[in-house]
Amino acid sequence: MSAHATLAIDSRDLIGEAPVWDSAGKRLLWCDNGAGVIHQAQLAGTGGWLEGRRWTLGRPIAAAIPRARGGLVVVGGVDVLLLDEAGRTTPFARIDADPTQVKFNEAKCDRHGRIWAGTRDHDFGVPGRQITPGRCALYRIDPSGVVETMLEGVSLSNGLDWSPDGRVFYFIDTYTRTINAFDFDLDHGTLRNRRTLVMIESGQGLPDGMTVDREGSLWVAIAGAGEIRQYSPDGILLSRTEVATPTVTSCAFGGADGQDLFITSARVTLPAAALRSLTHGFNIERAESDSNPGAGGLFTLRPGPSGAPATPFTG
């Protein structure tokens, strides 16, 4: 390990996810997918981070992204909702998928403000249920509300981001333990030339959320291993950051200078069998013991590189 992350906010999220830096609001946003909560934190006068607000929607939330017109866009279940600052929601779009089989698990906006959102098999959260590989997908939701299916045959959508020049799209399917790269056409919002950049060995943790820094390195949360791994654009492991809880879920750069790496985590215990092979669902509501008080918290680190803030949704 080359560095250690520090617990910034002991939010005790069941499944903390999708940290994003809102540069216009000078705030960090992240969600508790399990509890249906969106958190907001800002820099306190003492130099630490303070949670100043939260929205409780009472439904699964894969991501909450700043909206160029104000408020947020919320991706969760099979729906895309608009959320104003007062907490009122308005339906915006819905994917053509069975909510009893799949649900959104990750989302971000590309440079043109289009949402890219992937689903996961609902049975991952049903203990003992056999998983049906490949029944999920990656979608593009345009500012007009039009939904396009961009990638089929997905099982467990997780981290996604783009290279600094916008020409490469990175995507994680946790079921396959791989980080994939695609050539990305920014003007048309299309993918081609899929290839495997990194594969995590069985039993060594599960690739989850990720972000890309301004120099092009990938920072990937490895759930079950309690670490953030930094990879070069060609997949070489450059560094490891230790997080004091095993189930790290995602990460994003932010802060005034873009050099703060925010790391979310979960109070979910990943079974040893799941770390070897994701063939059956497990209980996502089983919390870790009190011997690990940082579980579900928000961690921070200043590793040196910086990252861009979240691109707002332009719809």
C-alpha atoms as a PDB file:
ATOM      1  CA  MET A   1       0.000   0.000   0.000  1.00  0.00           C
ATOM      2  CA  SER A   2       1.323   3.421  -0.916  1.00  0.00           C
ATOM      3  CA  ALA A   3      -1.180   5.567   1.018  1.00  0.00           C
ATOM      4  CA  HIS A   4      -3.971   5.471   3.599  1.00  0.00           C
ATOM      5  CA  ALA A   5      -7.356   7.180   3.279  1.00  0.00           C
ATOM      6  CA  THR A   6      -8.858   9.076   6.223  1.00  0.00           C
ATOM      7  CA  LEU A   7     -12.446   8.830   7.456  1.00  0.00           C
ATOM      8  CA  ALA A   8     -14.027  12.225   6.737  1.00  0.00           C
ATOM      9  CA  ILE A   9     -17.729  11.636   7.536  1.00  0.00           C
ATOM     10  CA  ASP A  10     -19.005   8.622   9.447  1.00  0.00           C
ATOM     11  CA  SER A  11     -22.232   8.488   7.428  1.00  0.00           C
ATOM     12  CA  ARG A  12     -22.800   4.756   8.092  1.00  0.00           C
ATOM     13  CA  ASP A  13     -24.302   4.177   4.649  1.00  0.00           C
ATOM     14  CA  LEU A  14     -25.698   0.762   3.902  1.00  0.00           C
ATOM     15  CA  ILE A  15     -24.351   1.038   0.348  1.00  0.00           C
ATOM     16  CA  GLY A  16     -22.554   4.347  -0.185  1.00  0.00           C
ATOM     17  CA  GLU A  17     -22.160   5.059  -3.902  1.00  0.00           C
ATOM     18  CA  ALA A  18     -21.571   7.534  -6.727  1.00  0.00           C
ATOM     19  CA  PRO A  19     -19.567  10.447  -5.256  1.00  0.00           C
ATOM     20  CA  VAL A  20     -19.562  13.478  -7.576  1.00  0.00           C
ATOM     21  CA  TRP A  21     -18.124  16.964  -7.173  1.00  0.00           C
ATOM     22  CA  ASP A  22     -20.562  19.736  -8.079  1.00  0.00           C
ATOM     23  CA  SER A  23     -18.279  22.669  -8.948  1.00  0.00           C
ATOM     24  CA  ALA A  24     -21.125  25.181  -9.291  1.00  0.00           C
ATOM     25  CA  GLY A  25     -22.455  24.354  -5.838  1.00  0.00           C
ATOM     26  CA  LYS A  26     -18.981  23.779  -4.324  1.00  0.00           C
ATOM     27  CA  ARG A  27     -20.274  20.576  -2.796  1.00  0.00           C
ATOM     28  CA  LEU A  28     -19.817  16.855  -2.793  1.00  0.00           C
ATOM     29  CA  LEU A  29     -22.820  14.663  -3.530  1.00  0.00           C
ATOM     30  CA  TRP A  30     -23.091  10.936  -2.917  1.00  0.00           C
ATOM     31  CA  CYS A  31     -25.892   8.483  -2.232  1.00  0.00           C
ATOM     32  CA  ASP A  32     -26.815   5.568  -0.029  1.00  0.00           C
ATOM     33  CA  ASN A  33     -28.243   3.187  -2.610  1.00  0.00           C
ATOM     34  CA  GLY A  34     -29.634   0.876   0.055  1.00  0.00           C
ATOM     35  CA  ALA A  35     -31.404   3.525   2.153  1.00  0.00           C
ATOM     36  CA  GLY A  36     -32.510   5.830  -0.680  1.00  0.00           C
ATOM     37  CA  VAL A  37     -30.617   8.868   0.636  1.00  0.00           C
ATOM     38  CA  ILE A  38     -28.651  11.589  -1.166  1.00  0.00           C
ATOM     39  CA  HIS A  39     -25.928  13.302   0.894  1.00  0.00           C
ATOM     40  CA  GLN A  40     -24.407  16.737   0.448  1.00  0.00           C
ATOM     41  CA  ALA A  41     -21.134  17.783   2.080  1.00  0.00           C
ATOM     42  CA  GLN A  42     -19.034  20.926   1.970  1.00  0.00           C
ATOM     43  CA  LEU A  43     -15.704  22.040   3.361  1.00  0.00           C
ATOM     44  CA  ALA A  44     -15.985  23.197   6.960  1.00  0.00           C
ATOM     45  CA  GLY A  45     -14.115  26.174   8.382  1.00  0.00           C
ATOM     46  CA  THR A  46     -11.806  23.822  10.266  1.00  0.00           C
ATOM     47  CA  GLY A  47     -10.626  22.245   7.020  1.00  0.00           C
ATOM     48  CA  GLY A  48     -12.644  19.065   7.391  1.00  0.00           C
ATOM     49  CA  TRP A  49     -15.778  17.974   5.547  1.00  0.00           C
ATOM     50  CA  LEU A  50     -19.241  18.440   6.989  1.00  0.00           C
ATOM     51  CA  GLU A  51     -22.526  16.923   5.832  1.00  0.00           C
ATOM     52  CA  GLY A  52     -24.871  19.869   5.595  1.00  0.00           C
ATOM     53  CA  ARG A  53     -27.907  18.353   3.945  1.00  0.00           C
ATOM     54  CA  ARG A  54     -29.560  15.163   2.783  1.00  0.00           C
ATOM     55  CA  TRP A  55     -32.578  14.199   0.701  1.00  0.00           C
ATOM     56  CA  THR A  56     -34.421  11.012   1.675  1.00  0.00           C
ATOM     57  CA  LEU A  57     -36.285   9.536  -1.291  1.00  0.00           C
ATOM     58  CA  GLY A  58     -36.963   6.088   0.164  1.00  0.00           C
ATOM     59  CA  ARG A  59     -36.075   4.272  -3.050  1.00  0.00           C
ATOM     60  CA  PRO A  60     -32.896   2.798  -4.591  1.00  0.00           C
ATOM     61  CA  ILE A  61     -30.587   5.521  -5.890  1.00  0.00           C
ATOM     62  CA  ALA A  62     -27.720   4.628  -8.192  1.00  0.00           C
ATOM     63  CA  ALA A  63     -26.521   8.219  -8.667  1.00  0.00           C
ATOM     64  CA  ALA A  64     -27.473  11.848  -8.134  1.00  0.00           C
ATOM     65  CA  ILE A  65     -25.895  14.198 -10.696  1.00  0.00           C
ATOM     66  CA  PRO A  66     -25.957  18.017 -10.830  1.00  0.00           C
ATOM     67  CA  ARG A  67     -28.317  19.461 -13.420  1.00  0.00           C
ATOM     68  CA  ALA A  68     -27.304  22.471 -15.523  1.00  0.00           C
ATOM     69  CA  ARG A  69     -30.744  24.047 -15.010  1.00  0.00           C
ATOM     70  CA  GLY A  70     -30.533  23.641 -11.254  1.00  0.00           C
ATOM     71  CA  GLY A  71     -31.283  20.800  -8.880  1.00  0.00           C
ATOM     72  CA  LEU A  72     -30.237  17.230  -9.551  1.00  0.00           C
ATOM     73  CA  VAL A  73     -31.035  14.345 -11.833  1.00  0.00           C
ATOM     74  CA  VAL A  74     -31.524  11.073  -9.946  1.00  0.00           C
ATOM     75  CA  VAL A  75     -31.026   7.657 -11.517  1.00  0.00           C
ATOM     76  CA  GLY A  76     -32.518   4.708  -9.658  1.00  0.00           C
ATOM     77  CA  GLY A  77     -34.656   1.616 -10.167  1.00  0.00           C
ATOM     78  CA  VAL A  78     -35.505   1.848 -13.878  1.00  0.00           C
ATOM     79  CA  ASP A  79     -36.302   5.569 -13.695  1.00  0.00           C
ATOM     80  CA  VAL A  80     -34.607   8.901 -14.260  1.00  0.00           C
ATOM     81  CA  LEU A  81     -36.059  11.668 -12.085  1.00  0.00           C
ATOM     82  CA  LEU A  82     -35.496  15.400 -11.753  1.00  0.00           C
ATOM     83  CA  LEU A  83     -35.047  16.595  -8.161  1.00  0.00           C
ATOM     84  CA  ASP A  84     -35.333  20.235  -7.164  1.00  0.00           C
ATOM     85  CA  GLU A  85     -33.557  21.718  -4.152  1.00  0.00           C
ATOM     86  CA  ALA A  86     -36.759  21.465  -2.104  1.00  0.00           C
ATOM     87  CA  GLY A  87     -36.824  17.695  -2.615  1.00  0.00           C
ATOM     88  CA  ARG A  88     -39.650  17.491  -5.168  1.00  0.00           C
ATOM     89  CA  THR A  89     -39.221  14.885  -7.902  1.00  0.00           C
ATOM     90  CA  THR A  90     -40.477  14.900 -11.491  1.00  0.00           C
ATOM     91  CA  PRO A  91     -40.333  11.874 -13.826  1.00  0.00           C
ATOM     92  CA  PHE A  92     -38.006  12.426 -16.773  1.00  0.00           C
ATOM     93  CA  ALA A  93     -37.320   9.076 -18.465  1.00  0.00           C
ATOM     94  CA  ARG A  94     -37.685   5.339 -17.931  1.00  0.00           C
ATOM     95  CA  ILE A  95     -35.851   2.433 -19.517  1.00  0.00           C
ATOM     96  CA  ASP A  96     -37.779  -0.429 -21.116  1.00  0.00           C
ATOM     97  CA  ALA A  97     -36.813  -3.048 -18.534  1.00  0.00           C
ATOM     98  CA  ASP A  98     -38.541  -5.181 -15.898  1.00  0.00           C
ATOM     99  CA  PRO A  99     -37.936  -3.587 -12.456  1.00  0.00           C
ATOM    100  CA  THR A 100     -38.299  -7.016 -10.822  1.00  0.00           C
ATOM    101  CA  GLN A 101     -35.292  -8.267 -12.804  1.00  0.00           C
ATOM    102  CA  VAL A 102     -32.910  -5.308 -13.118  1.00  0.00           C
ATOM    103  CA  LYS A 103     -32.212  -1.879 -11.673  1.00  0.00           C
ATOM    104  CA  PHE A 104     -29.769   0.961 -12.251  1.00  0.00           C
ATOM    105  CA  ASN A 105     -26.465   0.624 -10.426  1.00  0.00           C
ATOM    106  CA  GLU A 106     -24.211   3.399 -11.796  1.00  0.00           C
ATOM    107  CA  ALA A 107     -24.489   6.610 -13.833  1.00  0.00           C
ATOM    108  CA  LYS A 108     -22.433   9.603 -15.032  1.00  0.00           C
ATOM    109  CA  CYS A 109     -22.666  12.293 -17.701  1.00  0.00           C
ATOM    110  CA  ASP A 110     -20.354  12.615 -20.691  1.00  0.00           C
ATOM    111  CA  ARG A 111     -18.976  15.962 -21.880  1.00  0.00           C
ATOM    112  CA  HIS A 112     -22.170  16.722 -23.808  1.00  0.00           C
ATOM    113  CA  GLY A 113     -24.278  16.266 -20.682  1.00  0.00           C
ATOM    114  CA  ARG A 114     -25.793  12.926 -21.703  1.00  0.00           C
ATOM    115  CA  ILE A 115     -26.384  10.345 -18.969  1.00  0.00           C
ATOM    116  CA  TRP A 116     -24.696   6.951 -19.259  1.00  0.00           C
ATOM    117  CA  ALA A 117     -26.276   4.491 -16.857  1.00  0.00           C
ATOM    118  CA  GLY A 118     -25.892   0.741 -16.368  1.00  0.00           C
ATOM    119  CA  THR A 119     -28.123  -1.808 -14.683  1.00  0.00           C
ATOM    120  CA  ARG A 120     -27.465  -4.819 -12.491  1.00  0.00           C
ATOM    121  CA  ASP A 121     -29.274  -8.114 -12.024  1.00  0.00           C
ATOM    122  CA  HIS A 122     -31.824  -7.758  -9.223  1.00  0.00           C
ATOM    123  CA  ASP A 123     -30.984 -11.269  -8.007  1.00  0.00           C
ATOM    124  CA  PHE A 124     -27.600 -10.159  -6.676  1.00  0.00           C
ATOM    125  CA  GLY A 125     -29.540  -8.955  -3.635  1.00  0.00           C
ATOM    126  CA  VAL A 126     -31.530 -12.176  -3.129  1.00  0.00           C
ATOM    127  CA  PRO A 127     -29.634 -14.637  -0.877  1.00  0.00           C
ATOM    128  CA  GLY A 128     -29.023 -17.960  -2.605  1.00  0.00           C
ATOM    129  CA  ARG A 129     -30.713 -16.958  -5.870  1.00  0.00           C
ATOM    130  CA  GLN A 130     -28.814 -18.065  -8.962  1.00  0.00           C
ATOM    131  CA  ILE A 131     -27.708 -15.137 -11.093  1.00  0.00           C
ATOM    132  CA  THR A 132     -28.795 -14.872 -14.725  1.00  0.00           C
ATOM    133  CA  PRO A 133     -25.722 -13.529 -16.535  1.00  0.00           C
ATOM    134  CA  GLY A 134     -26.113 -10.982 -19.299  1.00  0.00           C
ATOM    135  CA  ARG A 135     -29.655  -9.738 -18.826  1.00  0.00           C
ATOM    136  CA  CYS A 136     -28.610  -6.166 -18.019  1.00  0.00           C
ATOM    137  CA  ALA A 137     -27.405  -3.303 -20.215  1.00  0.00           C
ATOM    138  CA  LEU A 138     -25.703   0.063 -20.491  1.00  0.00           C
ATOM    139  CA  TYR A 139     -27.942   2.944 -21.601  1.00  0.00           C
ATOM    140  CA  ARG A 140     -27.516   6.507 -22.864  1.00  0.00           C
ATOM    141  CA  ILE A 141     -30.202   8.969 -21.799  1.00  0.00           C
ATOM    142  CA  ASP A 142     -30.105  12.096 -23.959  1.00  0.00           C
ATOM    143  CA  PRO A 143     -31.114  15.574 -22.727  1.00  0.00           C
ATOM    144  CA  SER A 144     -34.260  15.227 -24.855  1.00  0.00           C
ATOM    145  CA  GLY A 145     -35.325  12.187 -22.808  1.00  0.00           C
ATOM    146  CA  VAL A 146     -34.627   9.668 -25.569  1.00  0.00           C
ATOM    147  CA  VAL A 147     -33.153   6.420 -24.217  1.00  0.00           C
ATOM    148  CA  GLU A 148     -30.717   4.349 -26.286  1.00  0.00           C
ATOM    149  CA  THR A 149     -29.347   0.907 -25.398  1.00  0.00           C
ATOM    150  CA  MET A 150     -25.584   1.112 -25.936  1.00  0.00           C
ATOM    151  CA  LEU A 151     -24.319  -2.235 -24.645  1.00  0.00           C
ATOM    152  CA  GLU A 152     -26.176  -5.482 -23.997  1.00  0.00           C
ATOM    153  CA  GLY A 153     -25.138  -8.678 -22.245  1.00  0.00           C
ATOM    154  CA  VAL A 154     -24.130  -6.901 -19.023  1.00  0.00           C
ATOM    155  CA  SER A 155     -24.570  -8.570 -15.618  1.00  0.00           C
ATOM    156  CA  LEU A 156     -23.407  -6.097 -12.958  1.00  0.00           C
ATOM    157  CA  SER A 157     -22.766  -2.555 -14.219  1.00  0.00           C
ATOM    158  CA  ASN A 158     -20.397  -0.541 -12.094  1.00  0.00           C
ATOM    159  CA  GLY A 159     -17.684   2.062 -12.605  1.00  0.00           C
ATOM    160  CA  LEU A 160     -17.618   4.166 -15.755  1.00  0.00           C
ATOM    161  CA  ASP A 161     -15.685   7.221 -16.903  1.00  0.00           C
ATOM    162  CA  TRP A 162     -13.834   8.777 -19.844  1.00  0.00           C
ATOM    163  CA  SER A 163     -10.210   9.548 -20.668  1.00  0.00           C
ATOM    164  CA  PRO A 164      -9.211  13.233 -20.333  1.00  0.00           C
ATOM    165  CA  ASP A 165      -9.427  13.742 -24.104  1.00  0.00           C
ATOM    166  CA  GLY A 166     -12.852  12.085 -24.219  1.00  0.00           C
ATOM    167  CA  ARG A 167     -11.783   9.498 -26.782  1.00  0.00           C
ATOM    168  CA  VAL A 168     -11.815   6.411 -24.536  1.00  0.00           C
ATOM    169  CA  PHE A 169     -14.718   5.136 -22.435  1.00  0.00           C
ATOM    170  CA  TYR A 170     -14.022   2.841 -19.475  1.00  0.00           C
ATOM    171  CA  PHE A 171     -16.627   0.476 -18.067  1.00  0.00           C
ATOM    172  CA  ILE A 172     -16.671  -2.159 -15.316  1.00  0.00           C
ATOM    173  CA  ASP A 173     -18.865  -5.258 -15.296  1.00  0.00           C
ATOM    174  CA  THR A 174     -18.175  -6.570 -11.802  1.00  0.00           C
ATOM    175  CA  TYR A 175     -19.582  -9.986 -12.670  1.00  0.00           C
ATOM    176  CA  THR A 176     -16.734 -10.538 -15.152  1.00  0.00           C
ATOM    177  CA  ARG A 177     -14.135  -8.835 -12.869  1.00  0.00           C
ATOM    178  CA  THR A 178     -13.000  -6.726 -15.804  1.00  0.00           C
ATOM    179  CA  ILE A 179     -12.308  -3.107 -16.647  1.00  0.00           C
ATOM    180  CA  ASN A 180     -13.086  -2.625 -20.333  1.00  0.00           C
ATOM    181  CA  ALA A 181     -12.051   0.163 -22.670  1.00  0.00           C
ATOM    182  CA  PHE A 182     -13.910   1.357 -25.780  1.00  0.00           C
ATOM    183  CA  ASP A 183     -13.177   3.898 -28.458  1.00  0.00           C
ATOM    184  CA  PHE A 184     -15.664   6.709 -27.821  1.00  0.00           C
ATOM    185  CA  ASP A 185     -17.212   9.024 -30.404  1.00  0.00           C
ATOM    186  CA  LEU A 186     -18.114  12.101 -28.388  1.00  0.00           C
ATOM    187  CA  ASP A 187     -20.087  13.806 -31.161  1.00  0.00           C
ATOM    188  CA  HIS A 188     -22.387  10.841 -31.748  1.00  0.00           C
ATOM    189  CA  GLY A 189     -22.190   9.225 -28.292  1.00  0.00           C
ATOM    190  CA  THR A 190     -21.251   5.784 -29.599  1.00  0.00           C
ATOM    191  CA  LEU A 191     -18.885   2.975 -28.597  1.00  0.00           C
ATOM    192  CA  ARG A 192     -16.708   0.597 -30.601  1.00  0.00           C
ATOM    193  CA  ASN A 193     -13.598  -1.578 -30.334  1.00  0.00           C
ATOM    194  CA  ARG A 194     -14.197  -3.122 -26.905  1.00  0.00           C
ATOM    195  CA  ARG A 195     -11.124  -4.565 -25.176  1.00  0.00           C
ATOM    196  CA  THR A 196     -10.189  -5.792 -21.687  1.00  0.00           C
ATOM    197  CA  LEU A 197      -7.825  -3.436 -19.882  1.00  0.00           C
ATOM    198  CA  VAL A 198      -7.658  -5.114 -16.456  1.00  0.00           C
ATOM    199  CA  MET A 199      -8.939  -8.380 -15.004  1.00  0.00           C
ATOM    200  CA  ILE A 200      -9.017  -8.870 -11.213  1.00  0.00           C
ATOM    201  CA  GLU A 201      -8.094 -12.383 -10.112  1.00  0.00           C
ATOM    202  CA  SER A 202     -10.680 -14.497  -8.295  1.00  0.00           C
ATOM    203  CA  GLY A 203     -10.555 -13.940  -4.539  1.00  0.00           C
ATOM    204  CA  GLN A 204      -8.649 -10.629  -4.840  1.00  0.00           C
ATOM    205  CA  GLY A 205     -11.687  -8.372  -4.563  1.00  0.00           C
ATOM    206  CA  LEU A 206     -14.313  -7.042  -6.974  1.00  0.00           C
ATOM    207  CA  PRO A 207     -13.867  -3.964  -9.195  1.00  0.00           C
ATOM    208  CA  ASP A 208     -16.611  -1.481  -8.337  1.00  0.00           C
ATOM    209  CA  GLY A 209     -16.804   2.278  -8.929  1.00  0.00           C
ATOM    210  CA  MET A 210     -14.041   4.282 -10.571  1.00  0.00           C
ATOM    211  CA  THR A 211     -12.817   7.687 -11.724  1.00  0.00           C
ATOM    212  CA  VAL A 212     -10.162   8.977 -14.121  1.00  0.00           C
ATOM    213  CA  ASP A 213      -7.722  11.751 -13.167  1.00  0.00           C
ATOM    214  CA  ARG A 214      -6.541  14.599 -15.394  1.00  0.00           C
ATOM    215  CA  GLU A 215      -3.404  12.644 -16.320  1.00  0.00           C
ATOM    216  CA  GLY A 216      -5.428   9.661 -17.528  1.00  0.00           C
ATOM    217  CA  SER A 217      -4.920   7.221 -14.646  1.00  0.00           C
ATOM    218  CA  LEU A 218      -7.851   5.080 -13.525  1.00  0.00           C
ATOM    219  CA  TRP A 219      -8.679   4.967  -9.808  1.00  0.00           C
ATOM    220  CA  VAL A 220     -10.773   1.887  -9.034  1.00  0.00           C
ATOM    221  CA  ALA A 221     -12.536   0.869  -5.811  1.00  0.00           C
ATOM    222  CA  ILE A 222     -11.840  -2.810  -5.084  1.00  0.00           C
ATOM    223  CA  ALA A 223     -14.734  -4.055  -2.954  1.00  0.00           C
ATOM    224  CA  GLY A 224     -13.787  -6.805  -0.537  1.00  0.00           C
ATOM    225  CA  ALA A 225     -10.115  -5.801  -0.571  1.00  0.00           C
ATOM    226  CA  GLY A 226     -10.462  -2.440   1.176  1.00  0.00           C
ATOM    227  CA  GLU A 227      -8.374  -0.519  -1.300  1.00  0.00           C
ATOM    228  CA  ILE A 228      -8.339   1.926  -4.200  1.00  0.00           C
ATOM    229  CA  ARG A 229      -6.062   0.858  -7.051  1.00  0.00           C
ATOM    230  CA  GLN A 230      -4.513   3.289  -9.516  1.00  0.00           C
ATOM    231  CA  TYR A 231      -3.956   1.946 -13.037  1.00  0.00           C
ATOM    232  CA  SER A 232      -2.242   3.535 -16.010  1.00  0.00           C
ATOM    233  CA  PRO A 233      -4.308   4.032 -19.196  1.00  0.00           C
ATOM    234  CA  ASP A 234      -2.849   0.762 -20.506  1.00  0.00           C
ATOM    235  CA  GLY A 235      -3.772  -1.203 -17.388  1.00  0.00           C
ATOM    236  CA  ILE A 236      -0.541  -1.232 -15.379  1.00  0.00           C
ATOM    237  CA  LEU A 237      -1.010  -1.137 -11.589  1.00  0.00           C
ATOM    238  CA  LEU A 238       0.641   2.040 -10.280  1.00  0.00           C
ATOM    239  CA  SER A 239      -0.408   2.332  -6.633  1.00  0.00           C
ATOM    240  CA  ARG A 240      -2.711   1.087  -3.907  1.00  0.00           C
ATOM    241  CA  THR A 241      -4.504   3.111  -1.249  1.00  0.00           C
ATOM    242  CA  GLU A 242      -5.658   1.383   1.921  1.00  0.00           C
ATOM    243  CA  VAL A 243      -9.152   2.132   3.234  1.00  0.00           C
ATOM    244  CA  ALA A 244     -10.034   1.053   6.774  1.00  0.00           C
ATOM    245  CA  THR A 245     -13.087  -0.942   5.719  1.00  0.00           C
ATOM    246  CA  PRO A 246     -13.180  -3.801   3.217  1.00  0.00           C
ATOM    247  CA  THR A 247     -16.224  -2.846   1.168  1.00  0.00           C
ATOM    248  CA  VAL A 248     -15.138   0.273  -0.695  1.00  0.00           C
ATOM    249  CA  THR A 249     -17.580   1.110  -3.467  1.00  0.00           C
ATOM    250  CA  SER A 250     -16.531   4.131  -5.530  1.00  0.00           C
ATOM    251  CA  CYS A 251     -14.354   7.232  -5.722  1.00  0.00           C
ATOM    252  CA  ALA A 252     -14.212  10.671  -7.346  1.00  0.00           C
ATOM    253  CA  PHE A 253     -11.911  13.685  -7.377  1.00  0.00           C
ATOM    254  CA  GLY A 254     -13.153  17.052  -6.161  1.00  0.00           C
ATOM    255  CA  GLY A 255     -12.588  19.917  -3.796  1.00  0.00           C
ATOM    256  CA  ALA A 256     -11.512  23.456  -4.645  1.00  0.00           C
ATOM    257  CA  ASP A 257      -8.380  22.303  -6.503  1.00  0.00           C
ATOM    258  CA  GLY A 258      -9.715  18.932  -7.661  1.00  0.00           C
ATOM    259  CA  GLN A 259      -7.050  17.090  -5.642  1.00  0.00           C
ATOM    260  CA  ASP A 260      -9.288  15.537  -2.979  1.00  0.00           C
ATOM    261  CA  LEU A 261     -10.148  11.917  -3.715  1.00  0.00           C
ATOM    262  CA  PHE A 262     -13.494  11.056  -2.095  1.00  0.00           C
ATOM    263  CA  ILE A 263     -14.141   7.381  -1.388  1.00  0.00           C
ATOM    264  CA  THR A 264     -17.510   5.832  -0.518  1.00  0.00           C
ATOM    265  CA  SER A 265     -18.012   2.550   1.309  1.00  0.00           C
ATOM    266  CA  ALA A 266     -20.723   0.172   2.486  1.00  0.00           C
ATOM    267  CA  ARG A 267     -21.765  -1.706   5.615  1.00  0.00           C
ATOM    268  CA  VAL A 268     -22.327  -4.789   3.485  1.00  0.00           C
ATOM    269  CA  THR A 269     -20.258  -7.878   4.183  1.00  0.00           C
ATOM    270  CA  LEU A 270     -19.262  -9.597   0.955  1.00  0.00           C
ATOM    271  CA  PRO A 271     -19.268 -13.392   1.392  1.00  0.00           C
ATOM    272  CA  ALA A 272     -16.011 -15.170   0.641  1.00  0.00           C
ATOM    273  CA  ALA A 273     -17.835 -17.170  -2.026  1.00  0.00           C
ATOM    274  CA  ALA A 274     -18.840 -13.952  -3.827  1.00  0.00           C
ATOM    275  CA  LEU A 275     -15.220 -12.810  -3.910  1.00  0.00           C
ATOM    276  CA  ARG A 276     -14.319 -16.053  -5.669  1.00  0.00           C
ATOM    277  CA  SER A 277     -17.279 -16.244  -8.072  1.00  0.00           C
ATOM    278  CA  LEU A 278     -20.472 -14.203  -8.370  1.00  0.00           C
ATOM    279  CA  THR A 279     -22.838 -17.060  -9.157  1.00  0.00           C
ATOM    280  CA  HIS A 280     -25.520 -16.516  -6.488  1.00  0.00           C
ATOM    281  CA  GLY A 281     -27.081 -13.576  -4.706  1.00  0.00           C
ATOM    282  CA  PHE A 282     -26.284 -12.647  -1.134  1.00  0.00           C
ATOM    283  CA  ASN A 283     -27.793 -10.599   1.682  1.00  0.00           C
ATOM    284  CA  ILE A 284     -26.918  -6.965   0.996  1.00  0.00           C
ATOM    285  CA  GLU A 285     -28.495  -5.836   4.281  1.00  0.00           C
ATOM    286  CA  ARG A 286     -26.126  -7.734   6.561  1.00  0.00           C
ATOM    287  CA  ALA A 287     -24.113  -5.029   8.297  1.00  0.00           C
ATOM    288  CA  GLU A 288     -20.520  -5.322   9.402  1.00  0.00           C
ATOM    289  CA  SER A 289     -19.720  -5.548  13.113  1.00  0.00           C
ATOM    290  CA  ASP A 290     -18.980  -2.599  15.371  1.00  0.00           C
ATOM    291  CA  SER A 291     -15.324  -3.615  15.273  1.00  0.00           C
ATOM    292  CA  ASN A 292     -15.176  -1.765  11.961  1.00  0.00           C
ATOM    293  CA  PRO A 293     -16.640   1.668  12.827  1.00  0.00           C
ATOM    294  CA  GLY A 294     -15.696   3.275   9.518  1.00  0.00           C
ATOM    295  CA  ALA A 295     -17.870   0.926   7.470  1.00  0.00           C
ATOM    296  CA  GLY A 296     -20.292   2.893   5.306  1.00  0.00           C
ATOM    297  CA  GLY A 297     -18.364   6.116   5.812  1.00  0.00           C
ATOM    298  CA  LEU A 298     -16.940   8.704   3.424  1.00  0.00           C
ATOM    299  CA  PHE A 299     -13.142   8.680   3.227  1.00  0.00           C
ATOM    300  CA  THR A 300     -10.736  11.218   1.731  1.00  0.00           C
ATOM    301  CA  LEU A 301      -7.206  11.293   0.397  1.00  0.00           C
ATOM    302  CA  ARG A 302      -4.966  13.763  -1.427  1.00  0.00           C
ATOM    303  CA  PRO A 303      -2.874  11.448  -3.607  1.00  0.00           C
ATOM    304  CA  GLY A 304      -1.295  14.130  -5.818  1.00  0.00           C
ATOM    305  CA  PRO A 305      -3.178  14.053  -9.142  1.00  0.00           C
ATOM    306  CA  SER A 306      -6.358  16.033  -9.678  1.00  0.00           C
ATOM    307  CA  GLY A 307      -9.614  15.237 -11.405  1.00  0.00           C
ATOM    308  CA  ALA A 308     -12.338  17.128 -13.216  1.00  0.00           C
ATOM    309  CA  PRO A 309     -15.685  17.905 -11.540  1.00  0.00           C
ATOM    310  CA  ALA A 310     -18.853  16.135 -12.594  1.00  0.00           C
ATOM    311  CA  THR A 311     -20.348  17.202 -15.917  1.00  0.00           C
ATOM    312  CA  PRO A 312     -23.910  18.427 -15.252  1.00  0.00           C
ATOM    313  CA  PHE A 313     -26.890  16.886 -17.008  1.00  0.00           C
ATOM    314  CA  THR A 314     -28.095  19.294 -19.691  1.00  0.00           C
ATOM    315  CA  GLY A 315     -31.670  18.032 -19.845  1.00  0.00           C
END
